[in-house]
Amino acid sequence: MHLPRRWLGRTGVEVTALGLGGEGILRTYRRQQEAHQVIQAALAAGIRYFESARAYADSEVYLGHGLKGFRDQVFLTSKSHGRSRAEAEAHLQTTLKNLQTDHLDLWQVHDLRTKDEVRAIGRPGGALEAFYRAKEEGKTRFIGVTGHHDPDVLRLAIDTYDFDTVLLPVNPAEPHHRSFLPLAQDAAAKGLGVIGMKVLCRGILVELYETGLPYFIQYALSQPVDVIVVGADTVAQVQELAAAAAGFTPMPIERQQMLVDNMQLYARQMMYYKPR
């Protein structure tokens, strides 16, 4: 299966436009066999972008086992929710051990929710000291930041610090409340690699529109993003996601607006990841 590839911002690295997210079956414990099957299905489908986080249960452990023999063929990412240098350094040590690698392709500051957190990571002894040092030492090629709570918080982070990428929500419910989509546009204009998440709103979109998955993938890939990450529970889900991405053509603006309009009644329910 031929997946489209895109440049990840100014990094100079080309990635598959679809990545396997660290949620779904990967965010579990003691599900090694099922997780391995999903990872192998992703590889077989041509996915070469794999995402995890220190907070995602055994996700890193599963990927460490499942990607054996493929490390030099994939773009491997993880995240730290530590806000101090000590916490982030401890997370990175565990992450590299779990993933069975000596470096990440992308290490991300995970889930900034408040402006106080943005300020905290940049203070002396803050997490960014660990991130910048890891990049200098070759333990990560690039550093990024993620958020899904408040676009103003994430905007402050990318305006204040030197990041290579940003990970943010991309779906047709977004325009209805504190949308992250304008930030995606602005980040792309700054040269950051833009990674989309919450594409299916934890499956809520597919539950509401059973035949809609290809349209939601098409919608997300039609936004100013370089790659979208989506979790999966089964091999069949991986194959369906990959088929949708492989068949991508840009969605006309009129069709995008129709999807957005159809979301209006359910938008706040779908955006469970934002504060009420």
Protein backbone atom coordinates (compact mmCIF):
# COMPACT_ATOMS: atom_id res chain seq x y z
CA MET A 1 0.00 0.00 0.00
CA HIS A 2 1.38 3.40 -1.00
CA LEU A 3 0.90 6.05 1.67
CA PRO A 4 1.46 9.71 0.82
CA ARG A 5 4.59 11.23 2.29
CA ARG A 6 5.15 14.80 3.42
CA TRP A 7 8.03 16.91 4.68
CA LEU A 8 7.91 17.41 8.43
CA GLY A 9 8.20 21.19 8.51
CA ARG A 10 11.74 22.49 8.30
CA THR A 11 13.28 19.30 9.70
CA GLY A 12 14.19 18.11 6.22
CA VAL A 13 12.72 14.69 7.00
CA GLU A 14 9.98 13.09 4.91
CA VAL A 15 7.41 11.07 6.84
CA THR A 16 4.33 9.05 6.00
CA ALA A 17 1.26 11.26 6.26
CA LEU A 18 -0.33 8.65 8.55
CA GLY A 19 1.30 7.58 11.78
CA LEU A 20 0.28 4.97 14.33
CA GLY A 21 -0.72 6.78 17.51
CA GLY A 22 0.19 5.60 20.97
CA GLU A 23 -3.42 5.29 22.08
CA GLY A 24 -5.77 2.38 21.32
CA ILE A 25 -4.38 -1.07 22.03
CA LEU A 26 -0.94 0.45 22.62
CA ARG A 27 -2.15 2.33 25.70
CA THR A 28 -2.74 -0.82 27.73
CA TYR A 29 -0.90 -3.24 29.95
CA ARG A 30 -0.35 -6.97 29.37
CA ARG A 31 -1.73 -6.98 25.82
CA GLN A 32 1.57 -7.76 24.13
CA GLN A 33 0.28 -10.15 21.47
CA GLU A 34 -2.55 -7.89 20.29
CA ALA A 35 -0.29 -4.84 20.34
CA HIS A 36 2.35 -6.69 18.34
CA GLN A 37 -0.23 -7.62 15.71
CA VAL A 38 -1.32 -3.99 15.35
CA ILE A 39 2.29 -2.77 15.05
CA GLN A 40 3.07 -5.42 12.43
CA ALA A 41 -0.09 -4.49 10.52
CA ALA A 42 1.00 -0.85 10.53
CA LEU A 43 4.40 -1.77 9.13
CA ALA A 44 2.80 -4.00 6.49
CA ALA A 45 0.51 -1.12 5.48
CA GLY A 46 3.48 1.16 4.91
CA ILE A 47 3.21 3.28 8.06
CA ARG A 48 6.63 4.50 9.11
CA TYR A 49 5.73 7.07 11.77
CA PHE A 50 5.18 5.69 15.28
CA GLU A 51 4.15 7.71 18.31
CA SER A 52 4.20 7.00 22.02
CA ALA A 53 4.51 8.76 25.38
CA ARG A 54 5.95 8.01 28.80
CA ALA A 55 2.39 8.34 30.14
CA TYR A 56 0.90 5.79 27.73
CA ALA A 57 0.91 2.59 29.81
CA ASP A 58 3.08 -0.05 28.04
CA SER A 59 3.01 1.68 24.66
CA GLU A 60 6.77 2.22 24.58
CA VAL A 61 7.45 -1.38 25.60
CA TYR A 62 5.16 -2.71 22.88
CA LEU A 63 6.86 -0.56 20.25
CA GLY A 64 10.30 -1.57 21.45
CA HIS A 65 9.46 -5.20 20.77
CA GLY A 66 7.29 -4.67 17.71
CA LEU A 67 9.75 -2.51 15.79
CA LYS A 68 12.77 -4.76 16.18
CA GLY A 69 14.61 -4.87 12.89
CA PHE A 70 12.84 -1.73 11.62
CA ARG A 71 14.42 1.01 13.74
CA ASP A 72 16.35 2.53 10.83
CA GLN A 73 13.21 2.51 8.65
CA VAL A 74 10.83 4.36 10.98
CA PHE A 75 10.39 7.80 12.49
CA LEU A 76 10.07 7.10 16.21
CA THR A 77 8.57 9.58 18.67
CA SER A 78 7.70 9.79 22.34
CA LYS A 79 6.82 12.42 24.94
CA SER A 80 7.58 13.46 28.50
CA HIS A 81 5.02 15.06 30.80
CA GLY A 82 7.78 16.10 33.21
CA ARG A 83 7.97 19.81 33.89
CA SER A 84 11.40 19.79 35.53
CA ARG A 85 14.76 18.83 34.08
CA ALA A 86 15.12 15.94 36.52
CA GLU A 87 11.71 14.50 35.66
CA ALA A 88 12.25 14.81 31.91
CA GLU A 89 15.72 13.26 32.07
CA ALA A 90 14.38 10.30 34.05
CA HIS A 91 11.57 9.88 31.53
CA LEU A 92 13.98 9.92 28.60
CA GLN A 93 16.18 7.26 30.17
CA THR A 94 13.16 4.98 30.63
CA THR A 95 11.79 5.79 27.18
CA LEU A 96 15.00 4.87 25.38
CA LYS A 97 15.26 1.63 27.35
CA ASN A 98 11.66 0.68 26.63
CA LEU A 99 11.93 1.51 22.93
CA GLN A 100 15.24 -0.38 22.69
CA THR A 101 16.99 2.48 20.93
CA ASP A 102 19.77 4.96 21.62
CA HIS A 103 17.84 7.93 20.25
CA LEU A 104 14.42 9.27 19.33
CA ASP A 105 13.62 11.00 16.09
CA LEU A 106 11.29 13.35 17.96
CA TRP A 107 10.89 13.95 21.69
CA GLN A 108 7.96 16.13 22.74
CA VAL A 109 6.92 18.16 25.77
CA HIS A 110 3.61 16.48 26.54
CA ASP A 111 0.24 18.13 27.05
CA LEU A 112 0.81 21.72 28.13
CA ARG A 113 -2.43 22.99 29.68
CA THR A 114 -1.66 26.29 31.39
CA LYS A 115 0.51 29.32 30.81
CA ASP A 116 2.16 28.62 34.16
CA GLU A 117 3.31 25.27 32.76
CA VAL A 118 4.70 27.02 29.68
CA ARG A 119 6.72 29.32 31.91
CA ALA A 120 7.81 26.49 34.22
CA ILE A 121 9.45 24.38 31.50
CA GLY A 122 11.67 27.32 30.51
CA ARG A 123 12.90 28.28 33.97
CA PRO A 124 16.32 27.21 35.29
CA GLY A 125 15.94 23.55 36.14
CA GLY A 126 12.90 23.31 33.86
CA ALA A 127 12.17 20.49 31.44
CA LEU A 128 13.49 22.31 28.40
CA GLU A 129 17.02 22.05 29.77
CA ALA A 130 16.68 18.27 29.40
CA PHE A 131 15.15 18.59 25.93
CA TYR A 132 17.82 20.90 24.55
CA ARG A 133 20.59 18.83 26.09
CA ALA A 134 19.13 15.64 24.62
CA LYS A 135 19.16 17.22 21.18
CA GLU A 136 22.74 18.40 21.60
CA GLU A 137 23.82 14.91 22.67
CA GLY A 138 22.02 13.14 19.83
CA LYS A 139 19.49 11.41 22.06
CA THR A 140 16.77 13.03 19.98
CA ARG A 141 16.98 14.52 16.53
CA PHE A 142 14.16 17.00 17.05
CA ILE A 143 12.06 18.41 19.88
CA GLY A 144 8.39 19.30 19.87
CA VAL A 145 5.48 20.36 22.02
CA THR A 146 1.93 19.06 22.32
CA GLY A 147 -1.36 20.34 23.66
CA HIS A 148 -5.09 19.87 23.26
CA HIS A 149 -6.51 21.93 26.13
CA ASP A 150 -6.15 25.55 25.10
CA PRO A 151 -4.80 26.91 21.78
CA ASP A 152 -3.60 30.09 23.50
CA VAL A 153 -1.34 28.04 25.77
CA LEU A 154 0.16 26.13 22.87
CA ARG A 155 0.60 29.34 20.88
CA LEU A 156 2.52 30.88 23.78
CA ALA A 157 4.81 27.84 23.87
CA ILE A 158 5.75 27.94 20.18
CA ASP A 159 6.15 31.72 20.27
CA THR A 160 8.39 31.59 23.34
CA TYR A 161 10.66 28.59 22.74
CA ASP A 162 12.52 26.91 19.92
CA PHE A 163 10.60 23.81 18.86
CA ASP A 164 10.79 21.81 15.65
CA THR A 165 7.23 20.46 15.73
CA VAL A 166 3.82 20.91 17.31
CA LEU A 167 1.14 18.26 17.88
CA LEU A 168 -2.46 19.50 18.11
CA PRO A 169 -6.09 18.47 17.48
CA VAL A 170 -7.35 18.36 13.90
CA ASN A 171 -10.98 17.39 13.23
CA PRO A 172 -14.21 19.01 11.96
CA ALA A 173 -15.52 19.68 15.47
CA GLU A 174 -12.63 22.05 16.20
CA PRO A 175 -14.01 25.17 14.46
CA HIS A 176 -16.95 25.24 16.89
CA HIS A 177 -15.00 26.01 20.08
CA ARG A 178 -11.51 27.41 20.74
CA SER A 179 -10.19 25.95 17.53
CA PHE A 180 -6.60 24.76 17.15
CA LEU A 181 -6.81 24.92 13.34
CA PRO A 182 -5.66 28.57 13.01
CA LEU A 183 -2.67 27.66 15.17
CA ALA A 184 -1.86 24.79 12.80
CA GLN A 185 -1.81 27.29 9.93
CA ASP A 186 0.41 29.70 11.84
CA ALA A 187 2.80 26.97 12.99
CA ALA A 188 3.17 25.71 9.43
CA ALA A 189 3.94 29.27 8.28
CA LYS A 190 6.70 29.42 10.92
CA GLY A 191 8.23 26.26 9.46
CA LEU A 192 7.28 23.93 12.30
CA GLY A 193 6.31 20.39 11.51
CA VAL A 194 2.58 20.12 12.25
CA ILE A 195 1.22 16.82 13.56
CA GLY A 196 -2.52 16.26 13.85
CA MET A 197 -4.18 14.25 16.60
CA LYS A 198 -7.75 13.66 17.89
CA VAL A 199 -8.63 13.04 14.24
CA LEU A 200 -11.49 10.68 15.12
CA CYS A 201 -12.16 12.13 18.60
CA ARG A 202 -11.44 8.80 20.29
CA GLY A 203 -13.76 7.06 17.82
CA ILE A 204 -16.79 9.22 18.62
CA LEU A 205 -16.89 10.52 15.06
CA VAL A 206 -17.00 7.00 13.64
CA GLU A 207 -19.73 6.01 16.10
CA LEU A 208 -21.88 8.92 14.93
CA TYR A 209 -21.10 8.44 11.24
CA GLU A 210 -20.39 4.75 10.71
CA THR A 211 -19.24 5.12 7.10
CA GLY A 212 -17.44 8.39 7.68
CA LEU A 213 -13.90 7.32 8.59
CA PRO A 214 -12.40 8.00 5.13
CA TYR A 215 -13.95 11.47 5.14
CA PHE A 216 -12.51 12.34 8.54
CA ILE A 217 -9.06 11.18 7.45
CA GLN A 218 -9.46 13.17 4.24
CA TYR A 219 -10.57 16.23 6.22
CA ALA A 220 -7.58 16.02 8.56
CA LEU A 221 -5.05 15.54 5.77
CA SER A 222 -6.57 18.53 3.94
CA GLN A 223 -5.58 20.81 6.83
CA PRO A 224 -2.08 22.36 7.18
CA VAL A 225 -0.56 19.20 8.70
CA ASP A 226 2.40 17.06 7.73
CA VAL A 227 1.27 13.88 9.46
CA ILE A 228 -1.73 12.70 11.47
CA VAL A 229 -1.44 10.13 14.26
CA VAL A 230 -4.34 7.80 14.97
CA GLY A 231 -4.51 4.96 17.48
CA ALA A 232 -5.97 1.57 16.63
CA ASP A 233 -7.34 -1.39 18.57
CA THR A 234 -7.25 -4.05 15.84
CA VAL A 235 -5.49 -5.06 12.65
CA ALA A 236 -8.68 -4.31 10.73
CA GLN A 237 -8.71 -0.73 12.04
CA VAL A 238 -5.10 -0.22 10.95
CA GLN A 239 -5.92 -1.47 7.49
CA GLU A 240 -8.97 0.79 7.24
CA LEU A 241 -6.96 3.83 8.34
CA ALA A 242 -4.17 3.06 5.90
CA ALA A 243 -6.60 2.54 3.02
CA ALA A 244 -8.20 5.91 3.75
CA ALA A 245 -4.83 7.67 3.81
CA ALA A 246 -3.59 5.87 0.69
CA GLY A 247 -6.65 7.07 -1.21
CA PHE A 248 -6.24 10.68 -0.10
CA THR A 249 -7.18 13.55 -2.37
CA PRO A 250 -7.63 17.09 -1.03
CA MET A 251 -11.14 17.69 0.24
CA PRO A 252 -12.92 20.61 -1.45
CA ILE A 253 -13.58 23.57 0.84
CA GLU A 254 -17.34 23.17 0.38
CA ARG A 255 -17.17 19.55 1.56
CA GLN A 256 -15.03 20.56 4.54
CA GLN A 257 -17.59 23.16 5.55
CA MET A 258 -20.39 20.63 5.25
CA LEU A 259 -18.59 18.31 7.66
CA VAL A 260 -18.02 21.19 10.06
CA ASP A 261 -21.67 22.22 9.87
CA ASN A 262 -22.79 18.65 10.55
CA MET A 263 -20.74 18.62 13.74
CA GLN A 264 -22.45 21.59 15.36
CA LEU A 265 -24.88 19.68 17.60
CA TYR A 266 -22.22 17.25 18.81
CA ALA A 267 -19.07 19.37 18.75
CA ARG A 268 -18.61 19.83 22.50
CA GLN A 269 -19.24 16.14 23.12
CA MET A 270 -16.58 15.25 20.57
CA MET A 271 -14.06 17.66 22.04
CA TYR A 272 -13.86 15.78 25.34
CA TYR A 273 -10.21 16.80 25.49
CA LYS A 274 -11.00 20.48 26.17
CA PRO A 275 -12.18 21.89 29.50
CA ARG A 276 -15.88 22.61 29.87
